[in-house]
């Protein structure tokens, strides 16, 4: 079953499936820990960025967590 596009985080092919530490090789939690990020925070930030862009106000800086 496909995940909603509203909760997806774009990854390059290496990070997604190809590299030894890729998301689908090590799992979500290990991937987050290795990179020091939270997908929940990334999704929240991307959604805020999109809402700002849709309203004509795009932030010039991307952060993983506020």
PDB file of N, CA and C in Angstrom:
ATOM      1  N   UNK A   1       0.846  -1.181   0.000  1.00  0.00           N
ATOM      2  CA  UNK A   1       0.000   0.000   0.000  1.00  0.00           C
ATOM      3  C   UNK A   1       0.893   1.247   0.000  1.00  0.00           C
ATOM      4  N   UNK A   2       0.564   2.199  -0.822  1.00  0.00           N
ATOM      5  CA  UNK A   2       1.361   3.411  -0.957  1.00  0.00           C
ATOM      6  C   UNK A   2       1.087   4.376   0.203  1.00  0.00           C
ATOM      7  N   UNK A   3       2.148   4.972   0.715  1.00  0.00           N
ATOM      8  CA  UNK A   3       2.045   5.962   1.781  1.00  0.00           C
ATOM      9  C   UNK A   3       1.532   7.274   1.184  1.00  0.00           C
ATOM     10  N   UNK A   4       0.795   8.025   1.980  1.00  0.00           N
ATOM     11  CA  UNK A   4       0.292   9.320   1.532  1.00  0.00           C
ATOM     12  C   UNK A   4       1.438  10.233   1.133  1.00  0.00           C
ATOM     13  N   UNK A   5       1.257  10.977   0.056  1.00  0.00           N
ATOM     14  CA  UNK A   5       2.270  11.933  -0.377  1.00  0.00           C
ATOM     15  C   UNK A   5       2.468  13.048   0.651  1.00  0.00           C
ATOM     16  N   UNK A   6       1.498  13.255   1.521  1.00  0.00           N
ATOM     17  CA  UNK A   6       1.590  14.302   2.540  1.00  0.00           C
ATOM     18  C   UNK A   6       2.502  13.902   3.704  1.00  0.00           C
ATOM     19  N   UNK A   7       2.921  12.648   3.747  1.00  0.00           N
ATOM     20  CA  UNK A   7       3.818  12.222   4.822  1.00  0.00           C
ATOM     21  C   UNK A   7       5.119  11.645   4.272  1.00  0.00           C
ATOM     22  N   UNK A   8       5.412  11.891   3.015  1.00  0.00           N
ATOM     23  CA  UNK A   8       6.638  11.377   2.393  1.00  0.00           C
ATOM     24  C   UNK A   8       7.783  12.378   2.524  1.00  0.00           C
ATOM     25  N   UNK A   9       8.980  11.828   2.608  1.00  0.00           N
ATOM     26  CA  UNK A   9      10.198  12.633   2.630  1.00  0.00           C
ATOM     27  C   UNK A   9      11.015  12.204   1.415  1.00  0.00           C
ATOM     28  N   UNK A  10      11.362  13.136   0.538  1.00  0.00           N
ATOM     29  CA  UNK A  10      12.137  12.759  -0.647  1.00  0.00           C
ATOM     30  C   UNK A  10      13.559  12.334  -0.279  1.00  0.00           C
ATOM     31  N   UNK A  11      13.993  11.230  -0.844  1.00  0.00           N
ATOM     32  CA  UNK A  11      15.344  10.710  -0.624  1.00  0.00           C
ATOM     33  C   UNK A  11      15.966  10.366  -1.974  1.00  0.00           C
ATOM     34  N   UNK A  12      17.272  10.502  -2.060  1.00  0.00           N
ATOM     35  CA  UNK A  12      17.965  10.053  -3.266  1.00  0.00           C
ATOM     36  C   UNK A  12      17.940   8.521  -3.286  1.00  0.00           C
ATOM     37  N   UNK A  13      18.271   7.924  -4.425  1.00  0.00           N
ATOM     38  CA  UNK A  13      18.204   6.466  -4.541  1.00  0.00           C
ATOM     39  C   UNK A  13      19.170   5.768  -3.587  1.00  0.00           C
ATOM     40  N   UNK A  14      20.341   6.362  -3.340  1.00  0.00           N
ATOM     41  CA  UNK A  14      21.272   5.757  -2.384  1.00  0.00           C
ATOM     42  C   UNK A  14      20.666   5.710  -0.984  1.00  0.00           C
ATOM     43  N   UNK A  15      20.133   6.822  -0.528  1.00  0.00           N
ATOM     44  CA  UNK A  15      19.545   6.880   0.820  1.00  0.00           C
ATOM     45  C   UNK A  15      18.281   6.035   0.920  1.00  0.00           C
ATOM     46  N   UNK A  16      17.563   5.902  -0.176  1.00  0.00           N
ATOM     47  CA  UNK A  16      16.303   5.172  -0.160  1.00  0.00           C
ATOM     48  C   UNK A  16      16.518   3.660  -0.141  1.00  0.00           C
ATOM     49  N   UNK A  17      17.329   3.144  -1.093  1.00  0.00           N
ATOM     50  CA  UNK A  17      17.449   1.687  -1.201  1.00  0.00           C
ATOM     51  C   UNK A  17      18.840   1.150  -1.499  1.00  0.00           C
ATOM     52  N   UNK A  18      19.738   1.948  -2.062  1.00  0.00           N
ATOM     53  CA  UNK A  18      20.977   1.405  -2.618  1.00  0.00           C
ATOM     54  C   UNK A  18      22.138   1.267  -1.629  1.00  0.00           C
ATOM     55  N   UNK A  19      22.377   2.274  -0.828  1.00  0.00           N
ATOM     56  CA  UNK A  19      23.544   2.283   0.069  1.00  0.00           C
ATOM     57  C   UNK A  19      23.370   1.270   1.208  1.00  0.00           C
ATOM     58  N   UNK A  20      24.483   0.812   1.798  1.00  0.00           N
ATOM     59  CA  UNK A  20      24.396  -0.140   2.913  1.00  0.00           C
ATOM     60  C   UNK A  20      23.529   0.367   4.082  1.00  0.00           C
ATOM     61  N   UNK A  21      23.528   1.669   4.338  1.00  0.00           N
ATOM     62  CA  UNK A  21      22.722   2.219   5.434  1.00  0.00           C
ATOM     63  C   UNK A  21      21.408   2.815   4.966  1.00  0.00           C
ATOM     64  N   UNK A  22      20.936   2.402   3.778  1.00  0.00           N
ATOM     65  CA  UNK A  22      19.718   2.958   3.188  1.00  0.00           C
ATOM     66  C   UNK A  22      18.483   2.655   4.033  1.00  0.00           C
ATOM     67  N   UNK A  23      17.496   3.521   3.908  1.00  0.00           N
ATOM     68  CA  UNK A  23      16.236   3.415   4.657  1.00  0.00           C
ATOM     69  C   UNK A  23      15.635   2.006   4.596  1.00  0.00           C
ATOM     70  N   UNK A  24      15.481   1.459   3.406  1.00  0.00           N
ATOM     71  CA  UNK A  24      14.844   0.141   3.270  1.00  0.00           C
ATOM     72  C   UNK A  24      15.780  -1.018   3.614  1.00  0.00           C
ATOM     73  N   UNK A  25      17.030  -0.729   3.877  1.00  0.00           N
ATOM     74  CA  UNK A  25      17.958  -1.781   4.305  1.00  0.00           C
ATOM     75  C   UNK A  25      18.052  -1.861   5.830  1.00  0.00           C
ATOM     76  N   UNK A  26      17.998  -0.707   6.483  1.00  0.00           N
ATOM     77  CA  UNK A  26      18.191  -0.701   7.942  1.00  0.00           C
ATOM     78  C   UNK A  26      16.918  -0.395   8.728  1.00  0.00           C
ATOM     79  N   UNK A  27      15.909   0.140   8.059  1.00  0.00           N
ATOM     80  CA  UNK A  27      14.664   0.480   8.735  1.00  0.00           C
ATOM     81  C   UNK A  27      14.620   1.943   9.158  1.00  0.00           C
ATOM     82  N   UNK A  28      13.409   2.390   9.421  1.00  0.00           N
ATOM     83  CA  UNK A  28      13.174   3.804   9.722  1.00  0.00           C
ATOM     84  C   UNK A  28      13.966   4.295  10.933  1.00  0.00           C
ATOM     85  N   UNK A  29      13.856   3.602  12.055  1.00  0.00           N
ATOM     86  CA  UNK A  29      14.489   4.076  13.296  1.00  0.00           C
ATOM     87  C   UNK A  29      16.007   4.141  13.173  1.00  0.00           C
ATOM     88  N   UNK A  30      16.616   3.095  12.638  1.00  0.00           N
ATOM     89  CA  UNK A  30      18.076   3.084  12.486  1.00  0.00           C
ATOM     90  C   UNK A  30      18.523   4.173  11.516  1.00  0.00           C
ATOM     91  N   UNK A  31      17.761   4.406  10.455  1.00  0.00           N
ATOM     92  CA  UNK A  31      18.077   5.451   9.489  1.00  0.00           C
ATOM     93  C   UNK A  31      18.025   6.825  10.154  1.00  0.00           C
ATOM     94  N   UNK A  32      16.961   7.062  10.930  1.00  0.00           N
ATOM     95  CA  UNK A  32      16.828   8.334  11.651  1.00  0.00           C
ATOM     96  C   UNK A  32      17.979   8.530  12.636  1.00  0.00           C
ATOM     97  N   UNK A  33      18.299   7.502  13.389  1.00  0.00           N
ATOM     98  CA  UNK A  33      19.380   7.600  14.383  1.00  0.00           C
ATOM     99  C   UNK A  33      20.723   7.870  13.721  1.00  0.00           C
ATOM    100  N   UNK A  34      20.994   7.176  12.614  1.00  0.00           N
ATOM    101  CA  UNK A  34      22.276   7.350  11.922  1.00  0.00           C
ATOM    102  C   UNK A  34      22.449   8.777  11.418  1.00  0.00           C
ATOM    103  N   UNK A  35      21.357   9.384  10.951  1.00  0.00           N
ATOM    104  CA  UNK A  35      21.432  10.742  10.411  1.00  0.00           C
ATOM    105  C   UNK A  35      21.078  11.823  11.418  1.00  0.00           C
ATOM    106  N   UNK A  36      20.622  11.428  12.598  1.00  0.00           N
ATOM    107  CA  UNK A  36      20.276  12.397  13.630  1.00  0.00           C
ATOM    108  C   UNK A  36      19.068  13.249  13.268  1.00  0.00           C
ATOM    109  N   UNK A  37      18.061  12.605  12.683  1.00  0.00           N
ATOM    110  CA  UNK A  37      16.864  13.353  12.304  1.00  0.00           C
ATOM    111  C   UNK A  37      15.606  12.591  12.699  1.00  0.00           C
ATOM    112  N   UNK A  38      14.494  13.258  12.605  1.00  0.00           N
ATOM    113  CA  UNK A  38      13.192  12.670  12.868  1.00  0.00           C
ATOM    114  C   UNK A  38      12.336  12.890  11.634  1.00  0.00           C
ATOM    115  N   UNK A  39      11.850  11.804  11.035  1.00  0.00           N
ATOM    116  CA  UNK A  39      10.990  11.959   9.862  1.00  0.00           C
ATOM    117  C   UNK A  39       9.741  12.765  10.197  1.00  0.00           C
ATOM    118  N   UNK A  40       9.225  12.610  11.411  1.00  0.00           N
ATOM    119  CA  UNK A  40       8.042  13.381  11.816  1.00  0.00           C
ATOM    120  C   UNK A  40       8.341  14.877  11.747  1.00  0.00           C
ATOM    121  N   UNK A  41       9.513  15.287  12.205  1.00  0.00           N
ATOM    122  CA  UNK A  41       9.900  16.700  12.138  1.00  0.00           C
ATOM    123  C   UNK A  41      10.120  17.157  10.701  1.00  0.00           C
ATOM    124  N   UNK A  42      10.714  16.293   9.885  1.00  0.00           N
ATOM    125  CA  UNK A  42      10.945  16.644   8.493  1.00  0.00           C
ATOM    126  C   UNK A  42       9.609  16.831   7.778  1.00  0.00           C
ATOM    127  N   UNK A  43       8.679  15.914   7.980  1.00  0.00           N
ATOM    128  CA  UNK A  43       7.360  16.013   7.350  1.00  0.00           C
ATOM    129  C   UNK A  43       6.647  17.280   7.802  1.00  0.00           C
ATOM    130  N   UNK A  44       6.699  17.557   9.097  1.00  0.00           N
ATOM    131  CA  UNK A  44       6.059  18.768   9.630  1.00  0.00           C
ATOM    132  C   UNK A  44       6.642  20.024   8.984  1.00  0.00           C
ATOM    133  N   UNK A  45       7.965  20.058   8.882  1.00  0.00           N
ATOM    134  CA  UNK A  45       8.629  21.218   8.287  1.00  0.00           C
ATOM    135  C   UNK A  45       8.287  21.353   6.798  1.00  0.00           C
ATOM    136  N   UNK A  46       8.301  20.243   6.068  1.00  0.00           N
ATOM    137  CA  UNK A  46       7.954  20.291   4.649  1.00  0.00           C
ATOM    138  C   UNK A  46       6.511  20.758   4.451  1.00  0.00           C
ATOM    139  N   UNK A  47       5.599  20.322   5.320  1.00  0.00           N
ATOM    140  CA  UNK A  47       4.211  20.756   5.218  1.00  0.00           C
ATOM    141  C   UNK A  47       4.082  22.250   5.497  1.00  0.00           C
ATOM    142  N   UNK A  48       4.822  22.748   6.498  1.00  0.00           N
ATOM    143  CA  UNK A  48       4.806  24.189   6.780  1.00  0.00           C
ATOM    144  C   UNK A  48       5.351  24.980   5.596  1.00  0.00           C
ATOM    145  N   UNK A  49       6.467  24.484   5.031  1.00  0.00           N
ATOM    146  CA  UNK A  49       7.059  25.149   3.867  1.00  0.00           C
ATOM    147  C   UNK A  49       6.052  25.198   2.717  1.00  0.00           C
ATOM    148  N   UNK A  50       5.363  24.099   2.461  1.00  0.00           N
ATOM    149  CA  UNK A  50       4.400  24.055   1.377  1.00  0.00           C
ATOM    150  C   UNK A  50       3.245  25.031   1.641  1.00  0.00           C
ATOM    151  N   UNK A  51       2.753  25.074   2.871  1.00  0.00           N
ATOM    152  CA  UNK A  51       1.662  25.990   3.204  1.00  0.00           C
ATOM    153  C   UNK A  51       2.102  27.439   3.023  1.00  0.00           C
ATOM    154  N   UNK A  52       3.323  27.755   3.430  1.00  0.00           N
ATOM    155  CA  UNK A  52       3.846  29.106   3.248  1.00  0.00           C
ATOM    156  C   UNK A  52       3.993  29.429   1.766  1.00  0.00           C
ATOM    157  N   UNK A  53       4.481  28.472   0.997  1.00  0.00           N
ATOM    158  CA  UNK A  53       4.652  28.686  -0.442  1.00  0.00           C
ATOM    159  C   UNK A  53       3.291  28.894  -1.104  1.00  0.00           C
ATOM    160  N   UNK A  54       2.330  28.093  -0.722  1.00  0.00           N
ATOM    161  CA  UNK A  54       0.989  28.208  -1.295  1.00  0.00           C
ATOM    162  C   UNK A  54       0.375  29.562  -0.951  1.00  0.00           C
ATOM    163  N   UNK A  55       0.770  30.126   0.186  1.00  0.00           N
ATOM    164  CA  UNK A  55       0.282  31.435   0.597  1.00  0.00           C
ATOM    165  C   UNK A  55       1.143  32.564   0.069  1.00  0.00           C
ATOM    166  N   UNK A  56       2.172  32.241  -0.721  1.00  0.00           N
ATOM    167  CA  UNK A  56       3.034  33.256  -1.302  1.00  0.00           C
ATOM    168  C   UNK A  56       4.202  33.650  -0.431  1.00  0.00           C
ATOM    169  N   UNK A  57       4.418  32.930   0.661  1.00  0.00           N
ATOM    170  CA  UNK A  57       5.519  33.274   1.570  1.00  0.00           C
ATOM    171  C   UNK A  57       6.379  32.040   1.792  1.00  0.00           C
ATOM    172  N   UNK A  58       7.382  31.837   0.985  1.00  0.00           N
ATOM    173  CA  UNK A  58       8.266  30.684   1.137  1.00  0.00           C
ATOM    174  C   UNK A  58       9.495  31.053   1.953  1.00  0.00           C
ATOM    175  N   UNK A  59       9.824  30.219   2.911  1.00  0.00           N
ATOM    176  CA  UNK A  59      11.019  30.442   3.722  1.00  0.00           C
ATOM    177  C   UNK A  59      12.241  30.042   2.908  1.00  0.00           C
ATOM    178  N   UNK A  60      13.310  30.779   3.053  1.00  0.00           N
ATOM    179  CA  UNK A  60      14.524  30.474   2.291  1.00  0.00           C
ATOM    180  C   UNK A  60      15.393  29.430   2.982  1.00  0.00           C
ATOM    181  N   UNK A  61      15.018  29.015   4.191  1.00  0.00           N
ATOM    182  CA  UNK A  61      15.843  28.090   4.940  1.00  0.00           C
ATOM    183  C   UNK A  61      15.064  26.825   5.315  1.00  0.00           C
ATOM    184  N   UNK A  62      15.656  25.649   5.104  1.00  0.00           N
ATOM    185  CA  UNK A  62      15.034  24.395   5.467  1.00  0.00           C
ATOM    186  C   UNK A  62      15.689  23.858   6.719  1.00  0.00           C
ATOM    187  N   UNK A  63      14.882  23.520   7.716  1.00  0.00           N
ATOM    188  CA  UNK A  63      15.394  22.948   8.951  1.00  0.00           C
ATOM    189  C   UNK A  63      14.684  21.621   9.186  1.00  0.00           C
ATOM    190  N   UNK A  64      15.366  20.662   9.803  1.00  0.00           N
ATOM    191  CA  UNK A  64      14.737  19.381  10.070  1.00  0.00           C
ATOM    192  C   UNK A  64      13.756  19.469  11.224  1.00  0.00           C
ATOM    193  N   UNK A  65      14.051  20.258  12.231  1.00  0.00           N
ATOM    194  CA  UNK A  65      13.147  20.434  13.351  1.00  0.00           C
ATOM    195  C   UNK A  65      13.194  21.907  13.779  1.00  0.00           C
ATOM    196  N   UNK A  66      12.069  22.429  14.214  1.00  0.00           N
ATOM    197  CA  UNK A  66      12.071  23.839  14.674  1.00  0.00           C
ATOM    198  C   UNK A  66      12.874  24.013  15.945  1.00  0.00           C
TER     199      UNK A  66
END
